[in-house]
Amino acid sequence: MEAKLVTRVDYKTGIVGGIKYISVAIFVIILALIPTLISEFYIRILATAVNTVLLIATLRFHISIFTGLVPVRKIGKIREYPFVSIIVPAYNEEKVLERNIKSMLELDYPKGKIEFIYVYEDKCTDRTEEIILNFASRDKRIKPIKRRAQNGGKAAATNYGLKFAKGEIIGSFDADHSLEHDAVKRAVYWLQNKKVACVKGR
């Protein structure tokens, strides 16, 4: 008779042992992931808090813009008003130019201490030249400068305008924007400080 080796297998013991090993493995994995899970949790809280603050600040800013309640820091006394030249490059700016010029003429700054140099291209195809000359005929502060070269864009036009500027302080402004009535006065106030070389508005 052929002998056979019979091995007794205790399935119950094997299953229980396997469960123990799996449980230990899961526990070890959880312990290893706890720092990561905690970090992600706090990162999410921090990100949510930052986004909330930014959202509130943005809403507050836009509401203040639309309601006209923008907080403006008061400036101190200006010791002496220097002569200011503002250069405005203009090429086919018919739709926005009148509003721009009117905002310039309404600036709260001594009239004898400021000039507005409008540099326009000779190849403008709209009423840009007509509008500038019309205002210049009514107000000596408007200085129309026709530029014959049509290249280089706003930078070249601004540099060309520098040749005609008489101001101790020179500013550059886009034709499609309007200035607040005290913008130049504010710039001059800060430029009184010898440590300040340039002032930029927004």
C-alpha atoms as a PDB file:
ATOM      1  CA  MET A   1       0.000   0.000   0.000  1.00  0.00           C
ATOM      2  CA  GLU A   2       1.319   3.371  -0.963  1.00  0.00           C
ATOM      3  CA  ALA A   3       1.875   5.622   1.967  1.00  0.00           C
ATOM      4  CA  LYS A   4       0.488   9.178   1.809  1.00  0.00           C
ATOM      5  CA  LEU A   5       1.550  12.152   3.862  1.00  0.00           C
ATOM      6  CA  VAL A   6      -1.483  13.819   5.285  1.00  0.00           C
ATOM      7  CA  THR A   7      -1.145  17.385   6.526  1.00  0.00           C
ATOM      8  CA  ARG A   8      -3.790  18.757   8.853  1.00  0.00           C
ATOM      9  CA  VAL A   9      -4.693  22.351   8.102  1.00  0.00           C
ATOM     10  CA  ASP A  10      -6.397  24.484  10.759  1.00  0.00           C
ATOM     11  CA  TYR A  11      -8.295  26.951   8.575  1.00  0.00           C
ATOM     12  CA  LYS A  12      -9.702  28.796  11.556  1.00  0.00           C
ATOM     13  CA  THR A  13      -6.271  29.502  13.003  1.00  0.00           C
ATOM     14  CA  GLY A  14      -4.934  30.577   9.606  1.00  0.00           C
ATOM     15  CA  ILE A  15      -7.766  33.004   9.009  1.00  0.00           C
ATOM     16  CA  VAL A  16      -7.437  34.542  12.467  1.00  0.00           C
ATOM     17  CA  GLY A  17      -3.689  34.873  12.034  1.00  0.00           C
ATOM     18  CA  GLY A  18      -4.121  36.496   8.639  1.00  0.00           C
ATOM     19  CA  ILE A  19      -6.609  39.008  10.014  1.00  0.00           C
ATOM     20  CA  LYS A  20      -4.166  39.932  12.762  1.00  0.00           C
ATOM     21  CA  TYR A  21      -1.389  40.599  10.259  1.00  0.00           C
ATOM     22  CA  ILE A  22      -3.715  42.656   8.045  1.00  0.00           C
ATOM     23  CA  SER A  23      -4.945  44.659  11.055  1.00  0.00           C
ATOM     24  CA  VAL A  24      -1.400  45.413  12.143  1.00  0.00           C
ATOM     25  CA  ALA A  25      -0.490  46.464   8.605  1.00  0.00           C
ATOM     26  CA  ILE A  26      -3.515  48.796   8.357  1.00  0.00           C
ATOM     27  CA  PHE A  27      -2.705  50.292  11.770  1.00  0.00           C
ATOM     28  CA  VAL A  28       0.891  50.959  10.711  1.00  0.00           C
ATOM     29  CA  ILE A  29      -0.278  52.580   7.462  1.00  0.00           C
ATOM     30  CA  ILE A  30      -2.727  54.821   9.356  1.00  0.00           C
ATOM     31  CA  LEU A  31       0.016  55.874  11.773  1.00  0.00           C
ATOM     32  CA  ALA A  32       2.239  56.737   8.829  1.00  0.00           C
ATOM     33  CA  LEU A  33      -0.508  58.775   7.127  1.00  0.00           C
ATOM     34  CA  ILE A  34      -1.658  60.724  10.208  1.00  0.00           C
ATOM     35  CA  PRO A  35       0.907  63.564   9.771  1.00  0.00           C
ATOM     36  CA  THR A  36      -0.030  63.886   6.109  1.00  0.00           C
ATOM     37  CA  LEU A  37      -3.752  63.853   6.828  1.00  0.00           C
ATOM     38  CA  ILE A  38      -3.341  66.428   9.585  1.00  0.00           C
ATOM     39  CA  SER A  39      -1.157  68.619   7.352  1.00  0.00           C
ATOM     40  CA  GLU A  40      -3.664  68.511   4.499  1.00  0.00           C
ATOM     41  CA  PHE A  41      -6.459  69.318   6.933  1.00  0.00           C
ATOM     42  CA  TYR A  42      -4.719  72.413   8.262  1.00  0.00           C
ATOM     43  CA  ILE A  43      -3.607  73.440   4.791  1.00  0.00           C
ATOM     44  CA  ARG A  44      -7.218  73.298   3.616  1.00  0.00           C
ATOM     45  CA  ILE A  45      -8.356  75.366   6.597  1.00  0.00           C
ATOM     46  CA  LEU A  46      -5.598  77.928   5.968  1.00  0.00           C
ATOM     47  CA  ALA A  47      -6.369  78.083   2.241  1.00  0.00           C
ATOM     48  CA  THR A  48     -10.072  78.574   2.961  1.00  0.00           C
ATOM     49  CA  ALA A  49      -9.307  81.360   5.441  1.00  0.00           C
ATOM     50  CA  VAL A  50      -6.974  83.155   3.007  1.00  0.00           C
ATOM     51  CA  ASN A  51      -9.476  82.883   0.146  1.00  0.00           C
ATOM     52  CA  THR A  52     -12.231  84.238   2.386  1.00  0.00           C
ATOM     53  CA  VAL A  53     -10.139  87.246   3.418  1.00  0.00           C
ATOM     54  CA  LEU A  54      -9.188  87.973  -0.209  1.00  0.00           C
ATOM     55  CA  LEU A  55     -12.809  87.676  -1.306  1.00  0.00           C
ATOM     56  CA  ILE A  56     -13.993  90.090   1.389  1.00  0.00           C
ATOM     57  CA  ALA A  57     -11.213  92.569   0.547  1.00  0.00           C
ATOM     58  CA  THR A  58     -12.023  92.385  -3.175  1.00  0.00           C
ATOM     59  CA  LEU A  59     -15.743  92.883  -2.593  1.00  0.00           C
ATOM     60  CA  ARG A  60     -15.071  95.784  -0.248  1.00  0.00           C
ATOM     61  CA  PHE A  61     -12.780  97.451  -2.795  1.00  0.00           C
ATOM     62  CA  HIS A  62     -15.256  97.123  -5.683  1.00  0.00           C
ATOM     63  CA  ILE A  63     -18.161  98.298  -3.545  1.00  0.00           C
ATOM     64  CA  SER A  64     -16.132 101.355  -2.524  1.00  0.00           C
ATOM     65  CA  ILE A  65     -15.331 102.054  -6.186  1.00  0.00           C
ATOM     66  CA  PHE A  66     -18.958 101.877  -7.304  1.00  0.00           C
ATOM     67  CA  THR A  67     -20.243 103.896  -4.361  1.00  0.00           C
ATOM     68  CA  GLY A  68     -17.474 106.472  -4.584  1.00  0.00           C
ATOM     69  CA  LEU A  69     -16.417 105.807  -1.000  1.00  0.00           C
ATOM     70  CA  VAL A  70     -12.780 105.027  -1.721  1.00  0.00           C
ATOM     71  CA  PRO A  71     -10.675 105.856   1.343  1.00  0.00           C
ATOM     72  CA  VAL A  72      -8.054 108.439   0.392  1.00  0.00           C
ATOM     73  CA  ARG A  73      -5.137 109.377   2.595  1.00  0.00           C
ATOM     74  CA  LYS A  74      -4.924 113.108   3.224  1.00  0.00           C
ATOM     75  CA  ILE A  75      -1.755 114.830   2.114  1.00  0.00           C
ATOM     76  CA  GLY A  76       0.165 117.449   4.025  1.00  0.00           C
ATOM     77  CA  LYS A  77       1.177 120.939   3.016  1.00  0.00           C
ATOM     78  CA  ILE A  78       3.017 121.570  -0.250  1.00  0.00           C
ATOM     79  CA  ARG A  79       5.862 123.993   0.414  1.00  0.00           C
ATOM     80  CA  GLU A  80       6.196 125.205  -3.173  1.00  0.00           C
ATOM     81  CA  TYR A  81       4.376 124.334  -6.392  1.00  0.00           C
ATOM     82  CA  PRO A  82       6.897 123.392  -9.108  1.00  0.00           C
ATOM     83  CA  PHE A  83       6.098 123.664 -12.804  1.00  0.00           C
ATOM     84  CA  VAL A  84       4.670 120.358 -14.072  1.00  0.00           C
ATOM     85  CA  SER A  85       4.548 118.981 -17.621  1.00  0.00           C
ATOM     86  CA  ILE A  86       2.212 116.106 -18.430  1.00  0.00           C
ATOM     87  CA  ILE A  87       2.833 114.314 -21.727  1.00  0.00           C
ATOM     88  CA  VAL A  88      -0.086 112.495 -23.349  1.00  0.00           C
ATOM     89  CA  PRO A  89       0.592 110.399 -26.487  1.00  0.00           C
ATOM     90  CA  ALA A  90      -2.482 110.245 -28.711  1.00  0.00           C
ATOM     91  CA  TYR A  91      -3.141 108.190 -31.821  1.00  0.00           C
ATOM     92  CA  ASN A  92      -6.733 107.789 -33.018  1.00  0.00           C
ATOM     93  CA  GLU A  93      -8.122 108.605 -29.569  1.00  0.00           C
ATOM     94  CA  GLU A  94     -11.253 110.418 -30.766  1.00  0.00           C
ATOM     95  CA  LYS A  95     -13.645 108.434 -28.553  1.00  0.00           C
ATOM     96  CA  VAL A  96     -11.844 109.118 -25.271  1.00  0.00           C
ATOM     97  CA  LEU A  97      -9.796 112.253 -25.858  1.00  0.00           C
ATOM     98  CA  GLU A  98     -12.339 114.896 -24.828  1.00  0.00           C
ATOM     99  CA  ARG A  99     -12.934 113.225 -21.473  1.00  0.00           C
ATOM    100  CA  ASN A 100      -9.187 113.006 -20.926  1.00  0.00           C
ATOM    101  CA  ILE A 101      -8.536 116.668 -21.726  1.00  0.00           C
ATOM    102  CA  LYS A 102     -11.429 117.849 -19.554  1.00  0.00           C
ATOM    103  CA  SER A 103     -10.053 115.898 -16.594  1.00  0.00           C
ATOM    104  CA  MET A 104      -6.682 117.597 -17.144  1.00  0.00           C
ATOM    105  CA  LEU A 105      -8.178 121.079 -17.237  1.00  0.00           C
ATOM    106  CA  GLU A 106     -10.130 120.402 -14.038  1.00  0.00           C
ATOM    107  CA  LEU A 107      -7.047 119.450 -12.024  1.00  0.00           C
ATOM    108  CA  ASP A 108      -6.637 121.150  -8.673  1.00  0.00           C
ATOM    109  CA  TYR A 109      -3.255 122.723  -9.411  1.00  0.00           C
ATOM    110  CA  PRO A 110      -2.151 126.339 -10.057  1.00  0.00           C
ATOM    111  CA  LYS A 111      -2.926 127.123 -13.698  1.00  0.00           C
ATOM    112  CA  GLY A 112       0.336 128.950 -14.291  1.00  0.00           C
ATOM    113  CA  LYS A 113       2.328 125.985 -13.026  1.00  0.00           C
ATOM    114  CA  ILE A 114       1.225 123.211 -15.366  1.00  0.00           C
ATOM    115  CA  GLU A 115       1.126 122.328 -19.062  1.00  0.00           C
ATOM    116  CA  PHE A 116      -0.360 119.416 -20.999  1.00  0.00           C
ATOM    117  CA  ILE A 117       1.657 118.249 -23.999  1.00  0.00           C
ATOM    118  CA  TYR A 118      -0.465 116.216 -26.416  1.00  0.00           C
ATOM    119  CA  VAL A 119       1.735 114.378 -28.908  1.00  0.00           C
ATOM    120  CA  TYR A 120      -0.337 113.082 -31.814  1.00  0.00           C
ATOM    121  CA  GLU A 121       0.641 111.356 -35.047  1.00  0.00           C
ATOM    122  CA  ASP A 122       0.272 113.158 -38.349  1.00  0.00           C
ATOM    123  CA  LYS A 123      -1.332 110.015 -39.790  1.00  0.00           C
ATOM    124  CA  CYS A 124      -4.252 109.866 -37.371  1.00  0.00           C
ATOM    125  CA  THR A 125      -7.371 108.867 -39.286  1.00  0.00           C
ATOM    126  CA  ASP A 126      -9.982 110.257 -36.887  1.00  0.00           C
ATOM    127  CA  ARG A 127     -10.663 113.615 -35.167  1.00  0.00           C
ATOM    128  CA  THR A 128      -7.748 113.400 -32.715  1.00  0.00           C
ATOM    129  CA  GLU A 129      -5.938 116.437 -34.139  1.00  0.00           C
ATOM    130  CA  GLU A 130      -9.133 118.475 -34.422  1.00  0.00           C
ATOM    131  CA  ILE A 131     -10.078 117.844 -30.788  1.00  0.00           C
ATOM    132  CA  ILE A 132      -6.618 118.734 -29.461  1.00  0.00           C
ATOM    133  CA  LEU A 133      -6.381 121.927 -31.519  1.00  0.00           C
ATOM    134  CA  ASN A 134      -9.886 122.945 -30.479  1.00  0.00           C
ATOM    135  CA  PHE A 135      -9.048 122.717 -26.774  1.00  0.00           C
ATOM    136  CA  ALA A 136      -5.630 124.325 -27.328  1.00  0.00           C
ATOM    137  CA  SER A 137      -7.292 127.378 -28.887  1.00  0.00           C
ATOM    138  CA  ARG A 138      -9.301 127.874 -25.690  1.00  0.00           C
ATOM    139  CA  ASP A 139      -6.688 127.034 -23.055  1.00  0.00           C
ATOM    140  CA  LYS A 140      -2.982 127.893 -23.249  1.00  0.00           C
ATOM    141  CA  ARG A 141      -2.089 124.984 -20.988  1.00  0.00           C
ATOM    142  CA  ILE A 142      -2.778 122.592 -23.876  1.00  0.00           C
ATOM    143  CA  LYS A 143       0.334 122.220 -26.062  1.00  0.00           C
ATOM    144  CA  PRO A 144      -0.393 120.345 -29.328  1.00  0.00           C
ATOM    145  CA  ILE A 145       2.639 118.603 -30.826  1.00  0.00           C
ATOM    146  CA  LYS A 146       2.331 116.854 -34.183  1.00  0.00           C
ATOM    147  CA  ARG A 147       4.742 113.966 -34.643  1.00  0.00           C
ATOM    148  CA  ARG A 148       5.478 112.987 -38.221  1.00  0.00           C
ATOM    149  CA  ALA A 149       7.166 109.644 -37.626  1.00  0.00           C
ATOM    150  CA  GLN A 150       4.680 106.823 -37.053  1.00  0.00           C
ATOM    151  CA  ASN A 151       6.674 104.181 -35.224  1.00  0.00           C
ATOM    152  CA  GLY A 152       7.779 103.326 -31.728  1.00  0.00           C
ATOM    153  CA  GLY A 153       4.317 103.582 -30.186  1.00  0.00           C
ATOM    154  CA  LYS A 154       3.594 105.433 -26.944  1.00  0.00           C
ATOM    155  CA  ALA A 155       7.173 105.247 -25.709  1.00  0.00           C
ATOM    156  CA  ALA A 156       8.535 107.020 -28.790  1.00  0.00           C
ATOM    157  CA  ALA A 157       5.764 109.630 -28.667  1.00  0.00           C
ATOM    158  CA  THR A 158       6.452 110.293 -24.979  1.00  0.00           C
ATOM    159  CA  ASN A 159      10.182 110.678 -25.606  1.00  0.00           C
ATOM    160  CA  TYR A 160       9.407 113.080 -28.440  1.00  0.00           C
ATOM    161  CA  GLY A 161       7.219 115.129 -26.111  1.00  0.00           C
ATOM    162  CA  LEU A 162      10.104 115.449 -23.647  1.00  0.00           C
ATOM    163  CA  LYS A 163      11.822 117.793 -26.109  1.00  0.00           C
ATOM    164  CA  PHE A 164       9.060 120.351 -25.557  1.00  0.00           C
ATOM    165  CA  ALA A 165       8.500 119.893 -21.816  1.00  0.00           C
ATOM    166  CA  LYS A 166       9.409 122.818 -19.560  1.00  0.00           C
ATOM    167  CA  GLY A 167       8.442 121.299 -16.235  1.00  0.00           C
ATOM    168  CA  GLU A 168      10.618 120.606 -13.236  1.00  0.00           C
ATOM    169  CA  ILE A 169       8.426 117.548 -12.824  1.00  0.00           C
ATOM    170  CA  ILE A 170       7.382 115.535 -15.876  1.00  0.00           C
ATOM    171  CA  GLY A 171       4.559 113.043 -15.984  1.00  0.00           C
ATOM    172  CA  SER A 172       3.205 110.692 -18.640  1.00  0.00           C
ATOM    173  CA  PHE A 173      -0.423 109.705 -18.986  1.00  0.00           C
ATOM    174  CA  ASP A 174      -2.517 107.607 -21.373  1.00  0.00           C
ATOM    175  CA  ALA A 175      -5.153 109.328 -23.485  1.00  0.00           C
ATOM    176  CA  ASP A 176      -7.814 106.746 -22.637  1.00  0.00           C
ATOM    177  CA  HIS A 177      -7.715 107.504 -18.898  1.00  0.00           C
ATOM    178  CA  SER A 178      -8.888 110.366 -16.703  1.00  0.00           C
ATOM    179  CA  LEU A 179      -7.114 111.935 -13.738  1.00  0.00           C
ATOM    180  CA  GLU A 180      -8.594 112.548 -10.306  1.00  0.00           C
ATOM    181  CA  HIS A 181      -8.760 116.272  -9.564  1.00  0.00           C
ATOM    182  CA  ASP A 182      -5.971 116.122  -6.956  1.00  0.00           C
ATOM    183  CA  ALA A 183      -3.719 113.563  -8.671  1.00  0.00           C
ATOM    184  CA  VAL A 184      -0.927 115.979  -9.620  1.00  0.00           C
ATOM    185  CA  LYS A 185      -1.007 117.712  -6.254  1.00  0.00           C
ATOM    186  CA  ARG A 186      -0.577 114.351  -4.539  1.00  0.00           C
ATOM    187  CA  ALA A 187       2.359 113.426  -6.761  1.00  0.00           C
ATOM    188  CA  VAL A 188       4.035 116.769  -6.080  1.00  0.00           C
ATOM    189  CA  TYR A 189       3.528 116.337  -2.347  1.00  0.00           C
ATOM    190  CA  TRP A 190       5.384 113.016  -2.300  1.00  0.00           C
ATOM    191  CA  LEU A 191       8.101 114.306  -4.612  1.00  0.00           C
ATOM    192  CA  GLN A 192       8.964 116.959  -2.032  1.00  0.00           C
ATOM    193  CA  ASN A 193      10.743 114.160  -0.231  1.00  0.00           C
ATOM    194  CA  LYS A 194      14.308 114.035  -1.579  1.00  0.00           C
ATOM    195  CA  LYS A 195      14.318 110.270  -1.169  1.00  0.00           C
ATOM    196  CA  VAL A 196      11.424 109.949  -3.648  1.00  0.00           C
ATOM    197  CA  ALA A 197      12.445 109.985  -7.318  1.00  0.00           C
ATOM    198  CA  CYS A 198       9.260 108.737  -8.964  1.00  0.00           C
ATOM    199  CA  VAL A 199       5.547 108.562  -8.173  1.00  0.00           C
ATOM    200  CA  LYS A 200       3.160 106.168  -9.884  1.00  0.00           C
ATOM    201  CA  GLY A 201      -0.621 106.358  -9.775  1.00  0.00           C
ATOM    202  CA  ARG A 202      -3.234 103.674 -10.334  1.00  0.00           C
END
